[in-house]
């Protein structure tokens, strides 16, 4: 099977922000490279978080759509999306010779929640 990168695991999902914002939590990656790109419906990357931009400590981001007018909670980074539907693409490095399951388990720690703490993924 051919993969775009042999040293990278990919995760992706689509976010529907039409019913309100979502909280995106990133785990501690212990210095491991990852990037999480937010892509609008015109395929423009409008935000990227990860080792190069926000570091590898746990982080929390509030992703809001273009129509969100409410006050945002304090102590959280805000990512404003230009469209209500967003593609979230997460890439995480797999080190040479490493068991991919280690990275798979790490990737399961990236998560999305609604403002009231529910899982938006069905």
PDB file of N, CA and C in Angstrom:
ATOM      1  N   UNK A   1       0.838  -1.172   0.000  1.00  0.00           N
ATOM      2  CA  UNK A   1       0.000   0.000   0.000  1.00  0.00           C
ATOM      3  C   UNK A   1       0.888   1.242   0.000  1.00  0.00           C
ATOM      4  N   UNK A   2       0.552   2.228  -0.800  1.00  0.00           N
ATOM      5  CA  UNK A   2       1.309   3.462  -0.906  1.00  0.00           C
ATOM      6  C   UNK A   2       0.746   4.496   0.063  1.00  0.00           C
ATOM      7  N   UNK A   3       1.619   5.218   0.736  1.00  0.00           N
ATOM      8  CA  UNK A   3       1.228   6.295   1.650  1.00  0.00           C
ATOM      9  C   UNK A   3       1.976   7.562   1.251  1.00  0.00           C
ATOM     10  N   UNK A   4       1.376   8.739   1.455  1.00  0.00           N
ATOM     11  CA  UNK A   4       2.067   9.982   1.110  1.00  0.00           C
ATOM     12  C   UNK A   4       3.384  10.141   1.874  1.00  0.00           C
ATOM     13  N   UNK A   5       3.404   9.734   3.134  1.00  0.00           N
ATOM     14  CA  UNK A   5       4.615   9.767   3.956  1.00  0.00           C
ATOM     15  C   UNK A   5       4.702   8.447   4.692  1.00  0.00           C
ATOM     16  N   UNK A   6       5.865   7.852   4.686  1.00  0.00           N
ATOM     17  CA  UNK A   6       6.046   6.585   5.388  1.00  0.00           C
ATOM     18  C   UNK A   6       6.263   6.785   6.884  1.00  0.00           C
ATOM     19  N   UNK A   7       6.545   8.024   7.300  1.00  0.00           N
ATOM     20  CA  UNK A   7       6.854   8.284   8.706  1.00  0.00           C
ATOM     21  C   UNK A   7       5.775   9.116   9.396  1.00  0.00           C
ATOM     22  N   UNK A   8       4.565   9.090   8.868  1.00  0.00           N
ATOM     23  CA  UNK A   8       3.508   9.942   9.393  1.00  0.00           C
ATOM     24  C   UNK A   8       2.190   9.184   9.474  1.00  0.00           C
ATOM     25  N   UNK A   9       1.502   9.324  10.600  1.00  0.00           N
ATOM     26  CA  UNK A   9       0.125   8.830  10.696  1.00  0.00           C
ATOM     27  C   UNK A   9      -0.814  10.015  10.535  1.00  0.00           C
ATOM     28  N   UNK A  10      -1.901   9.800   9.819  1.00  0.00           N
ATOM     29  CA  UNK A  10      -2.863  10.846   9.536  1.00  0.00           C
ATOM     30  C   UNK A  10      -4.181  10.541  10.244  1.00  0.00           C
ATOM     31  N   UNK A  11      -4.791  11.565  10.800  1.00  0.00           N
ATOM     32  CA  UNK A  11      -6.157  11.511  11.317  1.00  0.00           C
ATOM     33  C   UNK A  11      -6.883  12.702  10.720  1.00  0.00           C
ATOM     34  N   UNK A  12      -8.145  12.529  10.423  1.00  0.00           N
ATOM     35  CA  UNK A  12      -8.901  13.685   9.968  1.00  0.00           C
ATOM     36  C   UNK A  12     -10.369  13.520  10.308  1.00  0.00           C
ATOM     37  N   UNK A  13     -11.033  14.654  10.373  1.00  0.00           N
ATOM     38  CA  UNK A  13     -12.471  14.694  10.587  1.00  0.00           C
ATOM     39  C   UNK A  13     -12.974  16.020  10.041  1.00  0.00           C
ATOM     40  N   UNK A  14     -14.269  16.104   9.890  1.00  0.00           N
ATOM     41  CA  UNK A  14     -14.894  17.361   9.493  1.00  0.00           C
ATOM     42  C   UNK A  14     -15.638  17.921  10.691  1.00  0.00           C
ATOM     43  N   UNK A  15     -15.503  19.227  10.900  1.00  0.00           N
ATOM     44  CA  UNK A  15     -16.170  19.906  11.996  1.00  0.00           C
ATOM     45  C   UNK A  15     -17.353  20.677  11.438  1.00  0.00           C
ATOM     46  N   UNK A  16     -18.501  20.535  12.086  1.00  0.00           N
ATOM     47  CA  UNK A  16     -19.678  21.322  11.739  1.00  0.00           C
ATOM     48  C   UNK A  16     -19.861  22.354  12.846  1.00  0.00           C
ATOM     49  N   UNK A  17     -19.539  23.595  12.538  1.00  0.00           N
ATOM     50  CA  UNK A  17     -19.611  24.672  13.523  1.00  0.00           C
ATOM     51  C   UNK A  17     -20.915  25.454  13.443  1.00  0.00           C
ATOM     52  N   UNK A  18     -21.866  24.982  12.650  1.00  0.00           N
ATOM     53  CA  UNK A  18     -23.126  25.719  12.474  1.00  0.00           C
ATOM     54  C   UNK A  18     -23.982  25.730  13.737  1.00  0.00           C
ATOM     55  N   UNK A  19     -23.780  24.752  14.635  1.00  0.00           N
ATOM     56  CA  UNK A  19     -24.543  24.711  15.890  1.00  0.00           C
ATOM     57  C   UNK A  19     -23.752  25.247  17.074  1.00  0.00           C
ATOM     58  N   UNK A  20     -22.583  25.799  16.814  1.00  0.00           N
ATOM     59  CA  UNK A  20     -21.773  26.354  17.887  1.00  0.00           C
ATOM     60  C   UNK A  20     -20.341  25.875  17.798  1.00  0.00           C
ATOM     61  N   UNK A  21     -19.486  26.443  18.635  1.00  0.00           N
ATOM     62  CA  UNK A  21     -18.062  26.130  18.580  1.00  0.00           C
ATOM     63  C   UNK A  21     -17.744  24.755  19.154  1.00  0.00           C
ATOM     64  N   UNK A  22     -16.529  24.307  18.857  1.00  0.00           N
ATOM     65  CA  UNK A  22     -16.018  23.058  19.401  1.00  0.00           C
ATOM     66  C   UNK A  22     -14.685  23.335  20.084  1.00  0.00           C
ATOM     67  N   UNK A  23     -14.407  22.565  21.115  1.00  0.00           N
ATOM     68  CA  UNK A  23     -13.130  22.654  21.808  1.00  0.00           C
ATOM     69  C   UNK A  23     -12.253  21.520  21.299  1.00  0.00           C
ATOM     70  N   UNK A  24     -11.062  21.883  20.816  1.00  0.00           N
ATOM     71  CA  UNK A  24     -10.081  20.918  20.322  1.00  0.00           C
ATOM     72  C   UNK A  24      -8.964  20.837  21.345  1.00  0.00           C
ATOM     73  N   UNK A  25      -8.771  19.650  21.923  1.00  0.00           N
ATOM     74  CA  UNK A  25      -7.733  19.411  22.919  1.00  0.00           C
ATOM     75  C   UNK A  25      -6.592  18.631  22.302  1.00  0.00           C
ATOM     76  N   UNK A  26      -5.363  19.110  22.542  1.00  0.00           N
ATOM     77  CA  UNK A  26      -4.186  18.397  22.080  1.00  0.00           C
ATOM     78  C   UNK A  26      -3.459  17.824  23.291  1.00  0.00           C
ATOM     79  N   UNK A  27      -2.902  16.626  23.172  1.00  0.00           N
ATOM     80  CA  UNK A  27      -2.215  15.999  24.306  1.00  0.00           C
ATOM     81  C   UNK A  27      -0.753  16.421  24.394  1.00  0.00           C
ATOM     82  N   UNK A  28      -0.114  16.030  25.463  1.00  0.00           N
ATOM     83  CA  UNK A  28       1.332  16.168  25.594  1.00  0.00           C
ATOM     84  C   UNK A  28       1.960  15.156  24.652  1.00  0.00           C
ATOM     85  N   UNK A  29       2.814  15.623  23.749  1.00  0.00           N
ATOM     86  CA  UNK A  29       3.420  14.706  22.777  1.00  0.00           C
ATOM     87  C   UNK A  29       4.910  14.476  23.036  1.00  0.00           C
ATOM     88  N   UNK A  30       5.405  14.953  24.167  1.00  0.00           N
ATOM     89  CA  UNK A  30       6.781  14.673  24.601  1.00  0.00           C
ATOM     90  C   UNK A  30       7.803  15.035  23.520  1.00  0.00           C
ATOM     91  N   UNK A  31       7.604  16.181  22.868  1.00  0.00           N
ATOM     92  CA  UNK A  31       8.541  16.644  21.851  1.00  0.00           C
ATOM     93  C   UNK A  31       8.310  16.078  20.465  1.00  0.00           C
ATOM     94  N   UNK A  32       7.395  15.145  20.323  1.00  0.00           N
ATOM     95  CA  UNK A  32       7.113  14.517  19.022  1.00  0.00           C
ATOM     96  C   UNK A  32       6.452  15.546  18.102  1.00  0.00           C
ATOM     97  N   UNK A  33       6.883  15.553  16.855  1.00  0.00           N
ATOM     98  CA  UNK A  33       6.283  16.452  15.879  1.00  0.00           C
ATOM     99  C   UNK A  33       4.851  16.022  15.568  1.00  0.00           C
ATOM    100  N   UNK A  34       3.961  17.011  15.578  1.00  0.00           N
ATOM    101  CA  UNK A  34       2.607  16.829  15.055  1.00  0.00           C
ATOM    102  C   UNK A  34       2.147  18.177  14.517  1.00  0.00           C
ATOM    103  N   UNK A  35       1.206  18.130  13.631  1.00  0.00           N
ATOM    104  CA  UNK A  35       0.547  19.351  13.183  1.00  0.00           C
ATOM    105  C   UNK A  35      -0.924  19.048  12.995  1.00  0.00           C
ATOM    106  N   UNK A  36      -1.729  19.997  13.386  1.00  0.00           N
ATOM    107  CA  UNK A  36      -3.175  19.898  13.200  1.00  0.00           C
ATOM    108  C   UNK A  36      -3.591  21.121  12.380  1.00  0.00           C
ATOM    109  N   UNK A  37      -3.965  20.873  11.140  1.00  0.00           N
ATOM    110  CA  UNK A  37      -4.325  21.959  10.227  1.00  0.00           C
ATOM    111  C   UNK A  37      -5.831  22.068  10.116  1.00  0.00           C
ATOM    112  N   UNK A  38      -6.305  23.295  10.145  1.00  0.00           N
ATOM    113  CA  UNK A  38      -7.718  23.599   9.992  1.00  0.00           C
ATOM    114  C   UNK A  38      -7.895  24.172   8.590  1.00  0.00           C
ATOM    115  N   UNK A  39      -8.769  23.528   7.810  1.00  0.00           N
ATOM    116  CA  UNK A  39      -8.900  23.831   6.393  1.00  0.00           C
ATOM    117  C   UNK A  39     -10.348  24.201   6.100  1.00  0.00           C
ATOM    118  N   UNK A  40     -10.559  25.348   5.447  1.00  0.00           N
ATOM    119  CA  UNK A  40     -11.921  25.792   5.156  1.00  0.00           C
ATOM    120  C   UNK A  40     -12.483  25.066   3.933  1.00  0.00           C
ATOM    121  N   UNK A  41     -13.696  25.384   3.572  1.00  0.00           N
ATOM    122  CA  UNK A  41     -14.362  24.683   2.471  1.00  0.00           C
ATOM    123  C   UNK A  41     -13.814  25.060   1.092  1.00  0.00           C
ATOM    124  N   UNK A  42     -12.925  26.043   1.037  1.00  0.00           N
ATOM    125  CA  UNK A  42     -12.256  26.379  -0.218  1.00  0.00           C
ATOM    126  C   UNK A  42     -10.857  25.769  -0.265  1.00  0.00           C
ATOM    127  N   UNK A  43     -10.556  24.911   0.720  1.00  0.00           N
ATOM    128  CA  UNK A  43      -9.279  24.202   0.848  1.00  0.00           C
ATOM    129  C   UNK A  43      -8.114  25.103   1.250  1.00  0.00           C
ATOM    130  N   UNK A  44      -8.433  26.206   1.921  1.00  0.00           N
ATOM    131  CA  UNK A  44      -7.397  27.079   2.454  1.00  0.00           C
ATOM    132  C   UNK A  44      -7.093  26.686   3.891  1.00  0.00           C
ATOM    133  N   UNK A  45      -5.822  26.528   4.211  1.00  0.00           N
ATOM    134  CA  UNK A  45      -5.419  26.293   5.597  1.00  0.00           C
ATOM    135  C   UNK A  45      -5.462  27.654   6.290  1.00  0.00           C
ATOM    136  N   UNK A  46      -6.337  27.794   7.275  1.00  0.00           N
ATOM    137  CA  UNK A  46      -6.459  29.082   7.953  1.00  0.00           C
ATOM    138  C   UNK A  46      -5.848  29.066   9.348  1.00  0.00           C
ATOM    139  N   UNK A  47      -5.484  27.909   9.852  1.00  0.00           N
ATOM    140  CA  UNK A  47      -4.794  27.817  11.145  1.00  0.00           C
ATOM    141  C   UNK A  47      -4.100  26.464  11.236  1.00  0.00           C
ATOM    142  N   UNK A  48      -2.951  26.452  11.882  1.00  0.00           N
ATOM    143  CA  UNK A  48      -2.238  25.206  12.162  1.00  0.00           C
ATOM    144  C   UNK A  48      -1.684  25.295  13.572  1.00  0.00           C
ATOM    145  N   UNK A  49      -1.942  24.247  14.346  1.00  0.00           N
ATOM    146  CA  UNK A  49      -1.351  24.147  15.679  1.00  0.00           C
ATOM    147  C   UNK A  49      -0.463  22.912  15.682  1.00  0.00           C
ATOM    148  N   UNK A  50       0.556  22.923  16.526  1.00  0.00           N
ATOM    149  CA  UNK A  50       1.452  21.772  16.585  1.00  0.00           C
ATOM    150  C   UNK A  50       2.787  22.152  17.159  1.00  0.00           C
ATOM    151  N   UNK A  51       3.736  21.258  16.998  1.00  0.00           N
ATOM    152  CA  UNK A  51       5.060  21.440  17.598  1.00  0.00           C
ATOM    153  C   UNK A  51       5.685  22.770  17.197  1.00  0.00           C
ATOM    154  N   UNK A  52       5.621  23.127  15.943  1.00  0.00           N
ATOM    155  CA  UNK A  52       6.279  24.349  15.460  1.00  0.00           C
ATOM    156  C   UNK A  52       5.548  25.623  15.862  1.00  0.00           C
ATOM    157  N   UNK A  53       4.248  25.558  16.058  1.00  0.00           N
ATOM    158  CA  UNK A  53       3.481  26.782  16.308  1.00  0.00           C
ATOM    159  C   UNK A  53       3.041  26.954  17.759  1.00  0.00           C
ATOM    160  N   UNK A  54       2.671  25.861  18.422  1.00  0.00           N
ATOM    161  CA  UNK A  54       2.153  25.965  19.792  1.00  0.00           C
ATOM    162  C   UNK A  54       2.867  25.059  20.776  1.00  0.00           C
ATOM    163  N   UNK A  55       3.826  24.258  20.303  1.00  0.00           N
ATOM    164  CA  UNK A  55       4.589  23.389  21.189  1.00  0.00           C
ATOM    165  C   UNK A  55       3.947  22.024  21.358  1.00  0.00           C
ATOM    166  N   UNK A  56       4.502  21.245  22.294  1.00  0.00           N
ATOM    167  CA  UNK A  56       4.045  19.862  22.465  1.00  0.00           C
ATOM    168  C   UNK A  56       3.402  19.611  23.825  1.00  0.00           C
ATOM    169  N   UNK A  57       3.142  20.682  24.586  1.00  0.00           N
ATOM    170  CA  UNK A  57       2.408  20.529  25.846  1.00  0.00           C
ATOM    171  C   UNK A  57       0.912  20.457  25.531  1.00  0.00           C
ATOM    172  N   UNK A  58       0.110  19.943  26.459  1.00  0.00           N
ATOM    173  CA  UNK A  58      -1.341  19.915  26.219  1.00  0.00           C
ATOM    174  C   UNK A  58      -1.861  21.321  25.954  1.00  0.00           C
ATOM    175  N   UNK A  59      -2.804  21.423  25.075  1.00  0.00           N
ATOM    176  CA  UNK A  59      -3.374  22.718  24.724  1.00  0.00           C
ATOM    177  C   UNK A  59      -4.864  22.572  24.460  1.00  0.00           C
ATOM    178  N   UNK A  60      -5.552  23.699  24.523  1.00  0.00           N
ATOM    179  CA  UNK A  60      -6.996  23.715  24.306  1.00  0.00           C
ATOM    180  C   UNK A  60      -7.320  24.891  23.392  1.00  0.00           C
ATOM    181  N   UNK A  61      -8.112  24.614  22.356  1.00  0.00           N
ATOM    182  CA  UNK A  61      -8.478  25.629  21.378  1.00  0.00           C
ATOM    183  C   UNK A  61      -9.991  25.636  21.194  1.00  0.00           C
ATOM    184  N   UNK A  62     -10.559  26.820  21.143  1.00  0.00           N
ATOM    185  CA  UNK A  62     -11.975  26.971  20.839  1.00  0.00           C
ATOM    186  C   UNK A  62     -12.082  27.317  19.363  1.00  0.00           C
ATOM    187  N   UNK A  63     -12.717  26.446  18.594  1.00  0.00           N
ATOM    188  CA  UNK A  63     -12.875  26.657  17.157  1.00  0.00           C
ATOM    189  C   UNK A  63     -14.273  27.214  16.937  1.00  0.00           C
ATOM    190  N   UNK A  64     -14.332  28.457  16.452  1.00  0.00           N
ATOM    191  CA  UNK A  64     -15.626  29.116  16.261  1.00  0.00           C
ATOM    192  C   UNK A  64     -15.877  29.341  14.779  1.00  0.00           C
ATOM    193  N   UNK A  65     -17.146  29.282  14.413  1.00  0.00           N
ATOM    194  CA  UNK A  65     -17.545  29.517  13.034  1.00  0.00           C
ATOM    195  C   UNK A  65     -17.719  30.993  12.752  1.00  0.00           C
ATOM    196  N   UNK A  66     -17.991  31.325  11.501  1.00  0.00           N
ATOM    197  CA  UNK A  66     -18.086  32.732  11.097  1.00  0.00           C
ATOM    198  C   UNK A  66     -19.278  33.465  11.712  1.00  0.00           C
ATOM    199  N   UNK A  67     -20.283  32.740  12.178  1.00  0.00           N
ATOM    200  CA  UNK A  67     -21.480  33.383  12.732  1.00  0.00           C
ATOM    201  C   UNK A  67     -21.512  33.418  14.249  1.00  0.00           C
ATOM    202  N   UNK A  68     -20.480  32.957  14.903  1.00  0.00           N
ATOM    203  CA  UNK A  68     -20.452  32.914  16.366  1.00  0.00           C
ATOM    204  C   UNK A  68     -20.287  34.328  16.906  1.00  0.00           C
ATOM    205  N   UNK A  69     -21.245  34.776  17.722  1.00  0.00           N
ATOM    206  CA  UNK A  69     -21.235  36.137  18.270  1.00  0.00           C
ATOM    207  C   UNK A  69     -21.157  36.155  19.788  1.00  0.00           C
ATOM    208  N   UNK A  70     -21.173  34.972  20.415  1.00  0.00           N
ATOM    209  CA  UNK A  70     -21.185  34.892  21.871  1.00  0.00           C
ATOM    210  C   UNK A  70     -19.798  35.196  22.445  1.00  0.00           C
ATOM    211  N   UNK A  71     -19.772  35.401  23.733  1.00  0.00           N
ATOM    212  CA  UNK A  71     -18.507  35.607  24.436  1.00  0.00           C
ATOM    213  C   UNK A  71     -17.762  34.272  24.504  1.00  0.00           C
ATOM    214  N   UNK A  72     -16.454  34.312  24.343  1.00  0.00           N
ATOM    215  CA  UNK A  72     -15.654  33.091  24.418  1.00  0.00           C
ATOM    216  C   UNK A  72     -15.154  32.901  25.850  1.00  0.00           C
ATOM    217  N   UNK A  73     -15.035  31.661  26.295  1.00  0.00           N
ATOM    218  CA  UNK A  73     -14.529  31.403  27.654  1.00  0.00           C
ATOM    219  C   UNK A  73     -13.097  31.924  27.799  1.00  0.00           C
ATOM    220  N   UNK A  74     -12.758  32.366  28.994  1.00  0.00           N
ATOM    221  CA  UNK A  74     -11.392  32.854  29.222  1.00  0.00           C
ATOM    222  C   UNK A  74     -10.425  31.679  29.345  1.00  0.00           C
ATOM    223  N   UNK A  75      -9.160  31.959  29.069  1.00  0.00           N
ATOM    224  CA  UNK A  75      -8.120  30.947  29.221  1.00  0.00           C
ATOM    225  C   UNK A  75      -8.075  29.918  28.124  1.00  0.00           C
ATOM    226  N   UNK A  76      -8.639  30.220  26.978  1.00  0.00           N
ATOM    227  CA  UNK A  76      -8.625  29.271  25.867  1.00  0.00           C
ATOM    228  C   UNK A  76      -8.258  30.021  24.594  1.00  0.00           C
ATOM    229  N   UNK A  77      -7.426  29.413  23.777  1.00  0.00           N
ATOM    230  CA  UNK A  77      -7.038  30.001  22.493  1.00  0.00           C
ATOM    231  C   UNK A  77      -8.195  29.878  21.520  1.00  0.00           C
ATOM    232  N   UNK A  78      -8.456  30.922  20.754  1.00  0.00           N
ATOM    233  CA  UNK A  78      -9.574  30.926  19.809  1.00  0.00           C
ATOM    234  C   UNK A  78      -9.055  30.812  18.386  1.00  0.00           C
ATOM    235  N   UNK A  79      -9.675  29.911  17.634  1.00  0.00           N
ATOM    236  CA  UNK A  79      -9.411  29.765  16.203  1.00  0.00           C
ATOM    237  C   UNK A  79     -10.709  30.099  15.497  1.00  0.00           C
ATOM    238  N   UNK A  80     -10.702  31.165  14.695  1.00  0.00           N
ATOM    239  CA  UNK A  80     -11.911  31.587  13.993  1.00  0.00           C
ATOM    240  C   UNK A  80     -11.903  31.034  12.573  1.00  0.00           C
ATOM    241  N   UNK A  81     -12.897  30.236  12.278  1.00  0.00           N
ATOM    242  CA  UNK A  81     -13.018  29.608  10.962  1.00  0.00           C
ATOM    243  C   UNK A  81     -13.808  30.520  10.020  1.00  0.00           C
ATOM    244  N   UNK A  82     -13.392  30.614   8.763  1.00  0.00           N
ATOM    245  CA  UNK A  82     -14.135  31.422   7.794  1.00  0.00           C
ATOM    246  C   UNK A  82     -15.378  30.717   7.241  1.00  0.00           C
ATOM    247  N   UNK A  83     -15.488  29.402   7.465  1.00  0.00           N
ATOM    248  CA  UNK A  83     -16.656  28.644   7.017  1.00  0.00           C
ATOM    249  C   UNK A  83     -17.180  27.796   8.175  1.00  0.00           C
ATOM    250  N   UNK A  84     -18.441  27.416   8.109  1.00  0.00           N
ATOM    251  CA  UNK A  84     -19.049  26.618   9.177  1.00  0.00           C
ATOM    252  C   UNK A  84     -18.629  25.156   9.144  1.00  0.00           C
ATOM    253  N   UNK A  85     -18.172  24.697   7.996  1.00  0.00           N
ATOM    254  CA  UNK A  85     -17.652  23.338   7.872  1.00  0.00           C
ATOM    255  C   UNK A  85     -16.136  23.450   7.716  1.00  0.00           C
ATOM    256  N   UNK A  86     -15.429  22.671   8.523  1.00  0.00           N
ATOM    257  CA  UNK A  86     -13.967  22.738   8.558  1.00  0.00           C
ATOM    258  C   UNK A  86     -13.414  21.320   8.509  1.00  0.00           C
ATOM    259  N   UNK A  87     -12.366  21.143   7.745  1.00  0.00           N
ATOM    260  CA  UNK A  87     -11.641  19.879   7.704  1.00  0.00           C
ATOM    261  C   UNK A  87     -10.479  20.014   8.666  1.00  0.00           C
ATOM    262  N   UNK A  88     -10.379  19.095   9.634  1.00  0.00           N
ATOM    263  CA  UNK A  88      -9.277  19.056  10.583  1.00  0.00           C
ATOM    264  C   UNK A  88      -8.388  17.880  10.209  1.00  0.00           C
ATOM    265  N   UNK A  89      -7.132  18.173   9.870  1.00  0.00           N
ATOM    266  CA  UNK A  89      -6.176  17.155   9.443  1.00  0.00           C
ATOM    267  C   UNK A  89      -5.017  17.140  10.437  1.00  0.00           C
ATOM    268  N   UNK A  90      -4.828  16.002  11.115  1.00  0.00           N
ATOM    269  CA  UNK A  90      -3.766  15.854  12.103  1.00  0.00           C
ATOM    270  C   UNK A  90      -2.722  14.895  11.555  1.00  0.00           C
ATOM    271  N   UNK A  91      -1.455  15.314  11.611  1.00  0.00           N
ATOM    272  CA  UNK A  91      -0.335  14.486  11.164  1.00  0.00           C
ATOM    273  C   UNK A  91       0.623  14.320  12.341  1.00  0.00           C
ATOM    274  N   UNK A  92       1.051  13.086  12.588  1.00  0.00           N
ATOM    275  CA  UNK A  92       1.944  12.796  13.705  1.00  0.00           C
ATOM    276  C   UNK A  92       3.089  11.918  13.213  1.00  0.00           C
ATOM    277  N   UNK A  93       4.308  12.282  13.619  1.00  0.00           N
ATOM    278  CA  UNK A  93       5.507  11.556  13.214  1.00  0.00           C
ATOM    279  C   UNK A  93       5.587  10.182  13.862  1.00  0.00           C
ATOM    280  N   UNK A  94       6.005   9.213  13.059  1.00  0.00           N
ATOM    281  CA  UNK A  94       6.379   7.884  13.540  1.00  0.00           C
ATOM    282  C   UNK A  94       7.887   7.785  13.351  1.00  0.00           C
ATOM    283  N   UNK A  95       8.612   7.516  14.429  1.00  0.00           N
ATOM    284  CA  UNK A  95      10.071   7.424  14.349  1.00  0.00           C
ATOM    285  C   UNK A  95      10.488   6.127  13.654  1.00  0.00           C
ATOM    286  N   UNK A  96      11.651   6.132  12.979  1.00  0.00           N
ATOM    287  CA  UNK A  96      12.126   4.925  12.288  1.00  0.00           C
ATOM    288  C   UNK A  96      12.185   3.719  13.235  1.00  0.00           C
ATOM    289  N   UNK A  97      11.598   2.617  12.801  1.00  0.00           N
ATOM    290  CA  UNK A  97      11.604   1.386  13.585  1.00  0.00           C
ATOM    291  C   UNK A  97      10.597   1.351  14.716  1.00  0.00           C
ATOM    292  N   UNK A  98       9.862   2.429  14.914  1.00  0.00           N
ATOM    293  CA  UNK A  98       8.903   2.499  16.022  1.00  0.00           C
ATOM    294  C   UNK A  98       7.623   1.733  15.684  1.00  0.00           C
ATOM    295  N   UNK A  99       7.041   1.120  16.684  1.00  0.00           N
ATOM    296  CA  UNK A  99       5.749   0.463  16.533  1.00  0.00           C
ATOM    297  C   UNK A  99       4.690   1.548  16.315  1.00  0.00           C
ATOM    298  N   UNK A 100       3.991   1.494  15.198  1.00  0.00           N
ATOM    299  CA  UNK A 100       2.985   2.507  14.883  1.00  0.00           C
ATOM    300  C   UNK A 100       1.872   2.570  15.919  1.00  0.00           C
ATOM    301  N   UNK A 101       1.667   1.489  16.659  1.00  0.00           N
ATOM    302  CA  UNK A 101       0.617   1.477  17.671  1.00  0.00           C
ATOM    303  C   UNK A 101       0.854   2.531  18.756  1.00  0.00           C
ATOM    304  N   UNK A 102       2.123   2.841  19.033  1.00  0.00           N
ATOM    305  CA  UNK A 102       2.444   3.880  20.016  1.00  0.00           C
ATOM    306  C   UNK A 102       1.868   5.220  19.562  1.00  0.00           C
ATOM    307  N   UNK A 103       2.049   5.544  18.299  1.00  0.00           N
ATOM    308  CA  UNK A 103       1.541   6.805  17.762  1.00  0.00           C
ATOM    309  C   UNK A 103       0.025   6.748  17.625  1.00  0.00           C
ATOM    310  N   UNK A 104      -0.492   5.600  17.261  1.00  0.00           N
ATOM    311  CA  UNK A 104      -1.943   5.431  17.167  1.00  0.00           C
ATOM    312  C   UNK A 104      -2.593   5.741  18.523  1.00  0.00           C
ATOM    313  N   UNK A 105      -2.018   5.209  19.599  1.00  0.00           N
ATOM    314  CA  UNK A 105      -2.559   5.464  20.942  1.00  0.00           C
ATOM    315  C   UNK A 105      -2.445   6.943  21.308  1.00  0.00           C
ATOM    316  N   UNK A 106      -1.336   7.588  20.925  1.00  0.00           N
ATOM    317  CA  UNK A 106      -1.189   9.024  21.164  1.00  0.00           C
ATOM    318  C   UNK A 106      -2.251   9.803  20.403  1.00  0.00           C
ATOM    319  N   UNK A 107      -2.486   9.445  19.157  1.00  0.00           N
ATOM    320  CA  UNK A 107      -3.467  10.162  18.334  1.00  0.00           C
ATOM    321  C   UNK A 107      -4.878  10.056  18.897  1.00  0.00           C
ATOM    322  N   UNK A 108      -5.158   8.993  19.616  1.00  0.00           N
ATOM    323  CA  UNK A 108      -6.483   8.852  20.221  1.00  0.00           C
ATOM    324  C   UNK A 108      -6.713   9.889  21.328  1.00  0.00           C
ATOM    325  N   UNK A 109      -5.630  10.535  21.787  1.00  0.00           N
ATOM    326  CA  UNK A 109      -5.747  11.530  22.854  1.00  0.00           C
ATOM    327  C   UNK A 109      -6.098  12.923  22.337  1.00  0.00           C
ATOM    328  N   UNK A 110      -5.998  13.150  21.032  1.00  0.00           N
ATOM    329  CA  UNK A 110      -6.530  14.384  20.454  1.00  0.00           C
ATOM    330  C   UNK A 110      -8.041  14.242  20.513  1.00  0.00           C
ATOM    331  N   UNK A 111      -8.739  15.269  20.988  1.00  0.00           N
ATOM    332  CA  UNK A 111     -10.190  15.107  21.042  1.00  0.00           C
ATOM    333  C   UNK A 111     -10.922  16.419  20.839  1.00  0.00           C
ATOM    334  N   UNK A 112     -12.191  16.267  20.526  1.00  0.00           N
ATOM    335  CA  UNK A 112     -13.103  17.385  20.314  1.00  0.00           C
ATOM    336  C   UNK A 112     -14.254  17.260  21.293  1.00  0.00           C
ATOM    337  N   UNK A 113     -14.698  18.397  21.813  1.00  0.00           N
ATOM    338  CA  UNK A 113     -15.859  18.448  22.711  1.00  0.00           C
ATOM    339  C   UNK A 113     -16.688  19.672  22.354  1.00  0.00           C
ATOM    340  N   UNK A 114     -17.947  19.623  22.692  1.00  0.00           N
ATOM    341  CA  UNK A 114     -18.775  20.818  22.598  1.00  0.00           C
ATOM    342  C   UNK A 114     -18.490  21.676  23.833  1.00  0.00           C
ATOM    343  N   UNK A 115     -19.033  22.872  23.865  1.00  0.00           N
ATOM    344  CA  UNK A 115     -18.825  23.748  25.030  1.00  0.00           C
ATOM    345  C   UNK A 115     -19.368  23.124  26.306  1.00  0.00           C
ATOM    346  N   UNK A 116     -20.409  22.307  26.197  1.00  0.00           N
ATOM    347  CA  UNK A 116     -20.959  21.671  27.395  1.00  0.00           C
ATOM    348  C   UNK A 116     -20.342  20.296  27.666  1.00  0.00           C
ATOM    349  N   UNK A 117     -19.236  19.971  26.964  1.00  0.00           N
ATOM    350  CA  UNK A 117     -18.472  18.769  27.267  1.00  0.00           C
ATOM    351  C   UNK A 117     -18.879  17.503  26.550  1.00  0.00           C
ATOM    352  N   UNK A 118     -19.827  17.579  25.627  1.00  0.00           N
ATOM    353  CA  UNK A 118     -20.247  16.387  24.890  1.00  0.00           C
ATOM    354  C   UNK A 118     -19.321  16.098  23.712  1.00  0.00           C
ATOM    355  N   UNK A 119     -19.268  14.847  23.328  1.00  0.00           N
ATOM    356  CA  UNK A 119     -18.513  14.426  22.161  1.00  0.00           C
ATOM    357  C   UNK A 119     -19.347  14.713  20.917  1.00  0.00           C
ATOM    358  N   UNK A 120     -18.836  15.538  19.990  1.00  0.00           N
ATOM    359  CA  UNK A 120     -19.624  15.865  18.795  1.00  0.00           C
ATOM    360  C   UNK A 120     -19.539  14.829  17.688  1.00  0.00           C
ATOM    361  N   UNK A 121     -18.652  13.845  17.843  1.00  0.00           N
ATOM    362  CA  UNK A 121     -18.475  12.826  16.821  1.00  0.00           C
ATOM    363  C   UNK A 121     -19.494  11.711  17.034  1.00  0.00           C
ATOM    364  N   UNK A 122     -20.221  11.403  16.000  1.00  0.00           N
ATOM    365  CA  UNK A 122     -21.245  10.342  16.105  1.00  0.00           C
ATOM    366  C   UNK A 122     -20.738   9.100  15.417  1.00  0.00           C
TER     367      UNK A 122
END
